[in-house]
Amino acid sequence: MFNDPLNILYVVLAIAIALLTIFVCVALIYFILILRDANKMMEKVRDTVDRVNNFVVKPVMLVSSVVDHVRPLIEAALERRAESQQHSKKRKS
């Protein structure tokens, strides 16, 4: 069987290809596990972002919206107050 150098070359090549295939399979398994862990981490990040959005961003946007609606009323009340103070100063003079 191993009497010809060409046969020895073929056996060595077959063993090398088999070892290379095993190495590629193991590397692929590790790569898949890394991607799975990254996917789990992304799910946790999404959950955290959703919580921050629900507990921080939405209330801030709600307060901003309320302030935008109330601001004209407050400005109108301040203008009326300033006008009434000016009228009362004119009457005193």
PDB file of N, CA and C in Angstrom:
ATOM      1  N   MET A   1       0.821  -1.194   0.000  1.00  0.00           N
ATOM      2  CA  MET A   1       0.000   0.000   0.000  1.00  0.00           C
ATOM      3  C   MET A   1       0.866   1.259   0.000  1.00  0.00           C
ATOM      4  N   PHE A   2       1.857   1.325   0.882  1.00  0.00           N
ATOM      5  CA  PHE A   2       2.706   2.513   0.939  1.00  0.00           C
ATOM      6  C   PHE A   2       4.032   2.285   0.204  1.00  0.00           C
ATOM      7  N   ASN A   3       4.031   1.476  -0.781  1.00  0.00           N
ATOM      8  CA  ASN A   3       5.260   1.191  -1.508  1.00  0.00           C
ATOM      9  C   ASN A   3       5.582   2.237  -2.564  1.00  0.00           C
ATOM     10  N   ASP A   4       4.605   3.063  -2.906  1.00  0.00           N
ATOM     11  CA  ASP A   4       4.810   4.076  -3.932  1.00  0.00           C
ATOM     12  C   ASP A   4       4.732   5.458  -3.278  1.00  0.00           C
ATOM     13  N   PRO A   5       5.658   6.375  -3.565  1.00  0.00           N
ATOM     14  CA  PRO A   5       5.603   7.715  -2.964  1.00  0.00           C
ATOM     15  C   PRO A   5       4.325   8.470  -3.313  1.00  0.00           C
ATOM     16  N   LEU A   6       3.757   8.187  -4.457  1.00  0.00           N
ATOM     17  CA  LEU A   6       2.514   8.851  -4.844  1.00  0.00           C
ATOM     18  C   LEU A   6       1.362   8.421  -3.932  1.00  0.00           C
ATOM     19  N   ASN A   7       1.339   7.158  -3.548  1.00  0.00           N
ATOM     20  CA  ASN A   7       0.315   6.682  -2.615  1.00  0.00           C
ATOM     21  C   ASN A   7       0.477   7.341  -1.246  1.00  0.00           C
ATOM     22  N   ILE A   8       1.698   7.489  -0.812  1.00  0.00           N
ATOM     23  CA  ILE A   8       1.955   8.157   0.469  1.00  0.00           C
ATOM     24  C   ILE A   8       1.478   9.607   0.404  1.00  0.00           C
ATOM     25  N   LEU A   9       1.726  10.264  -0.724  1.00  0.00           N
ATOM     26  CA  LEU A   9       1.265  11.643  -0.908  1.00  0.00           C
ATOM     27  C   LEU A   9      -0.251  11.722  -0.827  1.00  0.00           C
ATOM     28  N   TYR A  10      -0.940  10.787  -1.475  1.00  0.00           N
ATOM     29  CA  TYR A  10      -2.401  10.788  -1.449  1.00  0.00           C
ATOM     30  C   TYR A  10      -2.940  10.562  -0.032  1.00  0.00           C
ATOM     31  N   VAL A  11      -2.326   9.679   0.709  1.00  0.00           N
ATOM     32  CA  VAL A  11      -2.761   9.420   2.091  1.00  0.00           C
ATOM     33  C   VAL A  11      -2.541  10.662   2.949  1.00  0.00           C
ATOM     34  N   VAL A  12      -1.396  11.287   2.810  1.00  0.00           N
ATOM     35  CA  VAL A  12      -1.107  12.498   3.585  1.00  0.00           C
ATOM     36  C   VAL A  12      -2.071  13.612   3.208  1.00  0.00           C
ATOM     37  N   LEU A  13      -2.346  13.767   1.913  1.00  0.00           N
ATOM     38  CA  LEU A  13      -3.313  14.781   1.478  1.00  0.00           C
ATOM     39  C   LEU A  13      -4.707  14.485   2.027  1.00  0.00           C
ATOM     40  N   ALA A  14      -5.115  13.236   2.028  1.00  0.00           N
ATOM     41  CA  ALA A  14      -6.431  12.863   2.553  1.00  0.00           C
ATOM     42  C   ALA A  14      -6.520  13.177   4.043  1.00  0.00           C
ATOM     43  N   ILE A  15      -5.473  12.864   4.786  1.00  0.00           N
ATOM     44  CA  ILE A  15      -5.458  13.169   6.224  1.00  0.00           C
ATOM     45  C   ILE A  15      -5.481  14.676   6.444  1.00  0.00           C
ATOM     46  N   ALA A  16      -4.723  15.424   5.653  1.00  0.00           N
ATOM     47  CA  ALA A  16      -4.687  16.885   5.798  1.00  0.00           C
ATOM     48  C   ALA A  16      -6.050  17.495   5.490  1.00  0.00           C
ATOM     49  N   ILE A  17      -6.699  17.011   4.447  1.00  0.00           N
ATOM     50  CA  ILE A  17      -8.029  17.529   4.100  1.00  0.00           C
ATOM     51  C   ILE A  17      -9.036  17.177   5.192  1.00  0.00           C
ATOM     52  N   ALA A  18      -8.938  15.980   5.744  1.00  0.00           N
ATOM     53  CA  ALA A  18      -9.843  15.580   6.823  1.00  0.00           C
ATOM     54  C   ALA A  18      -9.635  16.469   8.052  1.00  0.00           C
ATOM     55  N   LEU A  19      -8.385  16.723   8.400  1.00  0.00           N
ATOM     56  CA  LEU A  19      -8.105  17.591   9.550  1.00  0.00           C
ATOM     57  C   LEU A  19      -8.564  19.022   9.287  1.00  0.00           C
ATOM     58  N   LEU A  20      -8.355  19.499   8.077  1.00  0.00           N
ATOM     59  CA  LEU A  20      -8.807  20.842   7.715  1.00  0.00           C
ATOM     60  C   LEU A  20     -10.330  20.936   7.788  1.00  0.00           C
ATOM     61  N   THR A  21     -11.014  19.894   7.343  1.00  0.00           N
ATOM     62  CA  THR A  21     -12.477  19.867   7.407  1.00  0.00           C
ATOM     63  C   THR A  21     -12.952  19.891   8.857  1.00  0.00           C
ATOM     64  N   ILE A  22     -12.318  19.122   9.707  1.00  0.00           N
ATOM     65  CA  ILE A  22     -12.678  19.124  11.132  1.00  0.00           C
ATOM     66  C   ILE A  22     -12.434  20.503  11.733  1.00  0.00           C
ATOM     67  N   PHE A  23     -11.301  21.119  11.404  1.00  0.00           N
ATOM     68  CA  PHE A  23     -11.004  22.461  11.914  1.00  0.00           C
ATOM     69  C   PHE A  23     -12.051  23.470  11.457  1.00  0.00           C
ATOM     70  N   VAL A  24     -12.441  23.410  10.186  1.00  0.00           N
ATOM     71  CA  VAL A  24     -13.451  24.341   9.663  1.00  0.00           C
ATOM     72  C   VAL A  24     -14.790  24.114  10.361  1.00  0.00           C
ATOM     73  N   CYS A  25     -15.144  22.856  10.606  1.00  0.00           N
ATOM     74  CA  CYS A  25     -16.405  22.564  11.304  1.00  0.00           C
ATOM     75  C   CYS A  25     -16.390  23.112  12.728  1.00  0.00           C
ATOM     76  N   VAL A  26     -15.301  22.926  13.435  1.00  0.00           N
ATOM     77  CA  VAL A  26     -15.200  23.445  14.805  1.00  0.00           C
ATOM     78  C   VAL A  26     -15.246  24.969  14.794  1.00  0.00           C
ATOM     79  N   ALA A  27     -14.539  25.588  13.862  1.00  0.00           N
ATOM     80  CA  ALA A  27     -14.559  27.052  13.767  1.00  0.00           C
ATOM     81  C   ALA A  27     -15.958  27.551  13.440  1.00  0.00           C
ATOM     82  N   LEU A  28     -16.667  26.847  12.575  1.00  0.00           N
ATOM     83  CA  LEU A  28     -18.038  27.225  12.221  1.00  0.00           C
ATOM     84  C   LEU A  28     -18.965  27.100  13.427  1.00  0.00           C
ATOM     85  N   ILE A  29     -18.793  26.055  14.219  1.00  0.00           N
ATOM     86  CA  ILE A  29     -19.608  25.891  15.431  1.00  0.00           C
ATOM     87  C   ILE A  29     -19.349  27.040  16.396  1.00  0.00           C
ATOM     88  N   TYR A  30     -18.094  27.397  16.613  1.00  0.00           N
ATOM     89  CA  TYR A  30     -17.790  28.524  17.495  1.00  0.00           C
ATOM     90  C   TYR A  30     -18.372  29.827  16.951  1.00  0.00           C
ATOM     91  N   PHE A  31     -18.300  30.021  15.648  1.00  0.00           N
ATOM     92  CA  PHE A  31     -18.857  31.232  15.040  1.00  0.00           C
ATOM     93  C   PHE A  31     -20.371  31.285  15.239  1.00  0.00           C
ATOM     94  N   ILE A  32     -21.038  30.144  15.086  1.00  0.00           N
ATOM     95  CA  ILE A  32     -22.489  30.088  15.309  1.00  0.00           C
ATOM     96  C   ILE A  32     -22.814  30.401  16.766  1.00  0.00           C
ATOM     97  N   LEU A  33     -22.038  29.883  17.696  1.00  0.00           N
ATOM     98  CA  LEU A  33     -22.275  30.166  19.120  1.00  0.00           C
ATOM     99  C   LEU A  33     -22.064  31.646  19.432  1.00  0.00           C
ATOM    100  N   ILE A  34     -21.063  32.241  18.812  1.00  0.00           N
ATOM    101  CA  ILE A  34     -20.820  33.673  19.015  1.00  0.00           C
ATOM    102  C   ILE A  34     -21.988  34.487  18.477  1.00  0.00           C
ATOM    103  N   LEU A  35     -22.486  34.133  17.303  1.00  0.00           N
ATOM    104  CA  LEU A  35     -23.638  34.845  16.740  1.00  0.00           C
ATOM    105  C   LEU A  35     -24.883  34.666  17.604  1.00  0.00           C
ATOM    106  N   ARG A  36     -25.071  33.488  18.179  1.00  0.00           N
ATOM    107  CA  ARG A  36     -26.218  33.256  19.061  1.00  0.00           C
ATOM    108  C   ARG A  36     -26.124  34.142  20.297  1.00  0.00           C
ATOM    109  N   ASP A  37     -24.930  34.213  20.889  1.00  0.00           N
ATOM    110  CA  ASP A  37     -24.745  35.075  22.057  1.00  0.00           C
ATOM    111  C   ASP A  37     -24.957  36.541  21.700  1.00  0.00           C
ATOM    112  N   ALA A  38     -24.500  36.938  20.522  1.00  0.00           N
ATOM    113  CA  ALA A  38     -24.711  38.324  20.088  1.00  0.00           C
ATOM    114  C   ALA A  38     -26.198  38.601  19.897  1.00  0.00           C
ATOM    115  N   ASN A  39     -26.932  37.627  19.391  1.00  0.00           N
ATOM    116  CA  ASN A  39     -28.373  37.793  19.218  1.00  0.00           C
ATOM    117  C   ASN A  39     -29.066  37.939  20.574  1.00  0.00           C
ATOM    118  N   LYS A  40     -28.667  37.132  21.558  1.00  0.00           N
ATOM    119  CA  LYS A  40     -29.240  37.258  22.907  1.00  0.00           C
ATOM    120  C   LYS A  40     -28.937  38.631  23.496  1.00  0.00           C
ATOM    121  N   MET A  41     -27.711  39.104  23.277  1.00  0.00           N
ATOM    122  CA  MET A  41     -27.329  40.406  23.797  1.00  0.00           C
ATOM    123  C   MET A  41     -28.148  41.506  23.131  1.00  0.00           C
ATOM    124  N   MET A  42     -28.380  41.389  21.835  1.00  0.00           N
ATOM    125  CA  MET A  42     -29.181  42.396  21.138  1.00  0.00           C
ATOM    126  C   MET A  42     -30.616  42.409  21.649  1.00  0.00           C
ATOM    127  N   GLU A  43     -31.165  41.256  21.994  1.00  0.00           N
ATOM    128  CA  GLU A  43     -32.512  41.207  22.563  1.00  0.00           C
ATOM    129  C   GLU A  43     -32.548  41.948  23.897  1.00  0.00           C
ATOM    130  N   LYS A  44     -31.508  41.759  24.710  1.00  0.00           N
ATOM    131  CA  LYS A  44     -31.450  42.465  25.998  1.00  0.00           C
ATOM    132  C   LYS A  44     -31.311  43.967  25.782  1.00  0.00           C
ATOM    133  N   VAL A  45     -30.523  44.356  24.788  1.00  0.00           N
ATOM    134  CA  VAL A  45     -30.361  45.781  24.489  1.00  0.00           C
ATOM    135  C   VAL A  45     -31.685  46.366  24.022  1.00  0.00           C
ATOM    136  N   ARG A  46     -32.402  45.648  23.166  1.00  0.00           N
ATOM    137  CA  ARG A  46     -33.717  46.124  22.712  1.00  0.00           C
ATOM    138  C   ARG A  46     -34.670  46.285  23.888  1.00  0.00           C
ATOM    139  N   ASP A  47     -34.659  45.322  24.805  1.00  0.00           N
ATOM    140  CA  ASP A  47     -35.524  45.394  25.978  1.00  0.00           C
ATOM    141  C   ASP A  47     -35.168  46.606  26.830  1.00  0.00           C
ATOM    142  N   THR A  48     -33.874  46.845  27.025  1.00  0.00           N
ATOM    143  CA  THR A  48     -33.440  47.997  27.811  1.00  0.00           C
ATOM    144  C   THR A  48     -33.829  49.299  27.131  1.00  0.00           C
ATOM    145  N   VAL A  49     -33.667  49.367  25.825  1.00  0.00           N
ATOM    146  CA  VAL A  49     -34.038  50.578  25.086  1.00  0.00           C
ATOM    147  C   VAL A  49     -35.543  50.815  25.176  1.00  0.00           C
ATOM    148  N   ASP A  50     -36.328  49.752  25.087  1.00  0.00           N
ATOM    149  CA  ASP A  50     -37.778  49.903  25.221  1.00  0.00           C
ATOM    150  C   ASP A  50     -38.150  50.407  26.610  1.00  0.00           C
ATOM    151  N   ARG A  51     -37.482  49.896  27.632  1.00  0.00           N
ATOM    152  CA  ARG A  51     -37.762  50.366  28.997  1.00  0.00           C
ATOM    153  C   ARG A  51     -37.396  51.836  29.149  1.00  0.00           C
ATOM    154  N   VAL A  52     -36.245  52.217  28.632  1.00  0.00           N
ATOM    155  CA  VAL A  52     -35.845  53.625  28.706  1.00  0.00           C
ATOM    156  C   VAL A  52     -36.844  54.485  27.952  1.00  0.00           C
ATOM    157  N   ASN A  53     -37.277  54.015  26.806  1.00  0.00           N
ATOM    158  CA  ASN A  53     -38.250  54.762  26.017  1.00  0.00           C
ATOM    159  C   ASN A  53     -39.553  54.922  26.792  1.00  0.00           C
ATOM    160  N   ASN A  54     -39.999  53.868  27.451  1.00  0.00           N
ATOM    161  CA  ASN A  54     -41.266  53.930  28.178  1.00  0.00           C
ATOM    162  C   ASN A  54     -41.179  54.768  29.445  1.00  0.00           C
ATOM    163  N   PHE A  55     -40.058  54.727  30.144  1.00  0.00           N
ATOM    164  CA  PHE A  55     -39.962  55.390  31.437  1.00  0.00           C
ATOM    165  C   PHE A  55     -39.295  56.755  31.393  1.00  0.00           C
ATOM    166  N   VAL A  56     -38.608  57.090  30.318  1.00  0.00           N
ATOM    167  CA  VAL A  56     -37.913  58.381  30.256  1.00  0.00           C
ATOM    168  C   VAL A  56     -38.392  59.216  29.078  1.00  0.00           C
ATOM    169  N   VAL A  57     -38.280  58.693  27.899  1.00  0.00           N
ATOM    170  CA  VAL A  57     -38.533  59.491  26.697  1.00  0.00           C
ATOM    171  C   VAL A  57     -40.008  59.842  26.561  1.00  0.00           C
ATOM    172  N   LYS A  58     -40.890  58.876  26.725  1.00  0.00           N
ATOM    173  CA  LYS A  58     -42.320  59.156  26.562  1.00  0.00           C
ATOM    174  C   LYS A  58     -42.829  60.177  27.578  1.00  0.00           C
ATOM    175  N   PRO A  59     -42.490  60.065  28.880  1.00  0.00           N
ATOM    176  CA  PRO A  59     -42.942  61.110  29.809  1.00  0.00           C
ATOM    177  C   PRO A  59     -42.377  62.488  29.477  1.00  0.00           C
ATOM    178  N   VAL A  60     -41.131  62.546  29.035  1.00  0.00           N
ATOM    179  CA  VAL A  60     -40.547  63.839  28.675  1.00  0.00           C
ATOM    180  C   VAL A  60     -41.280  64.423  27.474  1.00  0.00           C
ATOM    181  N   MET A  61     -41.598  63.599  26.497  1.00  0.00           N
ATOM    182  CA  MET A  61     -42.337  64.089  25.332  1.00  0.00           C
ATOM    183  C   MET A  61     -43.749  64.520  25.731  1.00  0.00           C
ATOM    184  N   LEU A  62     -44.355  63.803  26.671  1.00  0.00           N
ATOM    185  CA  LEU A  62     -45.687  64.166  27.142  1.00  0.00           C
ATOM    186  C   LEU A  62     -45.648  65.516  27.842  1.00  0.00           C
ATOM    187  N   VAL A  63     -44.666  65.722  28.710  1.00  0.00           N
ATOM    188  CA  VAL A  63     -44.530  67.007  29.404  1.00  0.00           C
ATOM    189  C   VAL A  63     -44.262  68.116  28.397  1.00  0.00           C
ATOM    190  N   SER A  64     -43.433  67.858  27.416  1.00  0.00           N
ATOM    191  CA  SER A  64     -43.156  68.862  26.386  1.00  0.00           C
ATOM    192  C   SER A  64     -44.423  69.224  25.628  1.00  0.00           C
ATOM    193  N   SER A  65     -45.226  68.236  25.311  1.00  0.00           N
ATOM    194  CA  SER A  65     -46.484  68.493  24.613  1.00  0.00           C
ATOM    195  C   SER A  65     -47.436  69.312  25.478  1.00  0.00           C
ATOM    196  N   VAL A  66     -47.517  68.973  26.761  1.00  0.00           N
ATOM    197  CA  VAL A  66     -48.384  69.731  27.674  1.00  0.00           C
ATOM    198  C   VAL A  66     -47.895  71.166  27.786  1.00  0.00           C
ATOM    199  N   VAL A  67     -46.593  71.355  27.893  1.00  0.00           N
ATOM    200  CA  VAL A  67     -46.035  72.711  27.996  1.00  0.00           C
ATOM    201  C   VAL A  67     -46.340  73.497  26.726  1.00  0.00           C
ATOM    202  N   ASP A  68     -46.235  72.866  25.576  1.00  0.00           N
ATOM    203  CA  ASP A  68     -46.548  73.557  24.318  1.00  0.00           C
ATOM    204  C   ASP A  68     -48.006  73.997  24.269  1.00  0.00           C
ATOM    205  N   HIS A  69     -48.903  73.215  24.846  1.00  0.00           N
ATOM    206  CA  HIS A  69     -50.320  73.573  24.837  1.00  0.00           C
ATOM    207  C   HIS A  69     -50.659  74.599  25.916  1.00  0.00           C
ATOM    208  N   VAL A  70     -49.942  74.574  27.025  1.00  0.00           N
ATOM    209  CA  VAL A  70     -50.248  75.472  28.143  1.00  0.00           C
ATOM    210  C   VAL A  70     -49.536  76.817  27.989  1.00  0.00           C
ATOM    211  N   ARG A  71     -48.419  76.856  27.290  1.00  0.00           N
ATOM    212  CA  ARG A  71     -47.632  78.077  27.147  1.00  0.00           C
ATOM    213  C   ARG A  71     -48.454  79.261  26.621  1.00  0.00           C
ATOM    214  N   PRO A  72     -49.257  79.101  25.569  1.00  0.00           N
ATOM    215  CA  PRO A  72     -50.048  80.257  25.111  1.00  0.00           C
ATOM    216  C   PRO A  72     -51.014  80.769  26.182  1.00  0.00           C
ATOM    217  N   LEU A  73     -51.574  79.873  26.964  1.00  0.00           N
ATOM    218  CA  LEU A  73     -52.484  80.299  28.029  1.00  0.00           C
ATOM    219  C   LEU A  73     -51.745  81.100  29.095  1.00  0.00           C
ATOM    220  N   ILE A  74     -50.570  80.635  29.462  1.00  0.00           N
ATOM    221  CA  ILE A  74     -49.779  81.344  30.473  1.00  0.00           C
ATOM    222  C   ILE A  74     -49.331  82.697  29.938  1.00  0.00           C
ATOM    223  N   GLU A  75     -48.885  82.731  28.687  1.00  0.00           N
ATOM    224  CA  GLU A  75     -48.460  84.007  28.104  1.00  0.00           C
ATOM    225  C   GLU A  75     -49.625  84.988  28.030  1.00  0.00           C
ATOM    226  N   ALA A  76     -50.802  84.501  27.677  1.00  0.00           N
ATOM    227  CA  ALA A  76     -51.974  85.383  27.626  1.00  0.00           C
ATOM    228  C   ALA A  76     -52.312  85.904  29.016  1.00  0.00           C
ATOM    229  N   ALA A  77     -52.223  85.048  30.024  1.00  0.00           N
ATOM    230  CA  ALA A  77     -52.505  85.487  31.392  1.00  0.00           C
ATOM    231  C   ALA A  77     -51.474  86.512  31.848  1.00  0.00           C
ATOM    232  N   LEU A  78     -50.215  86.316  31.503  1.00  0.00           N
ATOM    233  CA  LEU A  78     -49.180  87.281  31.886  1.00  0.00           C
ATOM    234  C   LEU A  78     -49.390  88.613  31.174  1.00  0.00           C
ATOM    235  N   GLU A  79     -49.807  88.563  29.918  1.00  0.00           N
ATOM    236  CA  GLU A  79     -50.079  89.814  29.194  1.00  0.00           C
ATOM    237  C   GLU A  79     -51.246  90.561  29.830  1.00  0.00           C
ATOM    238  N   ARG A  80     -52.303  89.856  30.195  1.00  0.00           N
ATOM    239  CA  ARG A  80     -53.443  90.506  30.852  1.00  0.00           C
ATOM    240  C   ARG A  80     -53.025  91.111  32.183  1.00  0.00           C
ATOM    241  N   ARG A  81     -52.190  90.399  32.890  1.00  0.00           N
ATOM    242  CA  ARG A  81     -51.718  90.903  34.179  1.00  0.00           C
ATOM    243  C   ARG A  81     -50.891  92.169  33.977  1.00  0.00           C
ATOM    244  N   ALA A  82     -50.019  92.156  32.981  1.00  0.00           N
ATOM    245  CA  ALA A  82     -49.193  93.332  32.709  1.00  0.00           C
ATOM    246  C   ALA A  82     -50.068  94.502  32.278  1.00  0.00           C
ATOM    247  N   GLU A  83     -51.069  94.228  31.451  1.00  0.00           N
ATOM    248  CA  GLU A  83     -51.973  95.302  31.022  1.00  0.00           C
ATOM    249  C   GLU A  83     -52.761  95.864  32.196  1.00  0.00           C
ATOM    250  N   SER A  84     -53.215  94.992  33.078  1.00  0.00           N
ATOM    251  CA  SER A  84     -53.982  95.488  34.229  1.00  0.00           C
ATOM    252  C   SER A  84     -53.091  96.290  35.166  1.00  0.00           C
ATOM    253  N   GLN A  85     -51.822  95.902  35.287  1.00  0.00           N
ATOM    254  CA  GLN A  85     -50.906  96.677  36.121  1.00  0.00           C
ATOM    255  C   GLN A  85     -50.628  98.034  35.488  1.00  0.00           C
ATOM    256  N   GLN A  86     -50.528  98.092  34.170  1.00  0.00           N
ATOM    257  CA  GLN A  86     -50.304  99.375  33.496  1.00  0.00           C
ATOM    258  C   GLN A  86     -51.524 100.272  33.645  1.00  0.00           C
ATOM    259  N   HIS A  87     -52.713  99.719  33.545  1.00  0.00           N
ATOM    260  CA  HIS A  87     -53.931 100.514  33.711  1.00  0.00           C
ATOM    261  C   HIS A  87     -54.054 101.026  35.143  1.00  0.00           C
ATOM    262  N   SER A  88     -53.667 100.198  36.093  1.00  0.00           N
ATOM    263  CA  SER A  88     -53.769 100.651  37.482  1.00  0.00           C
ATOM    264  C   SER A  88     -52.726 101.729  37.776  1.00  0.00           C
ATOM    265  N   LYS A  89     -51.555 101.676  37.142  1.00  0.00           N
ATOM    266  CA  LYS A  89     -50.541 102.721  37.324  1.00  0.00           C
ATOM    267  C   LYS A  89     -51.009 104.025  36.692  1.00  0.00           C
ATOM    268  N   LYS A  90     -51.679 103.938  35.545  1.00  0.00           N
ATOM    269  CA  LYS A  90     -52.175 105.151  34.881  1.00  0.00           C
ATOM    270  C   LYS A  90     -53.266 105.800  35.721  1.00  0.00           C
ATOM    271  N   ARG A  91     -54.102 105.028  36.354  1.00  0.00           N
ATOM    272  CA  ARG A  91     -55.166 105.581  37.187  1.00  0.00           C
ATOM    273  C   ARG A  91     -54.599 106.259  38.431  1.00  0.00           C
ATOM    274  N   LYS A  92     -53.505 105.697  38.978  1.00  0.00           N
ATOM    275  CA  LYS A  92     -52.901 106.285  40.168  1.00  0.00           C
ATOM    276  C   LYS A  92     -52.192 107.588  39.828  1.00  0.00           C
ATOM    277  N   SER A  93     -51.721 107.732  38.608  1.00  0.00           N
ATOM    278  CA  SER A  93     -50.975 108.931  38.251  1.00  0.00           C
ATOM    279  C   SER A  93     -51.834 110.073  37.977  1.00  0.00           C
TER     280      SER A  93
END
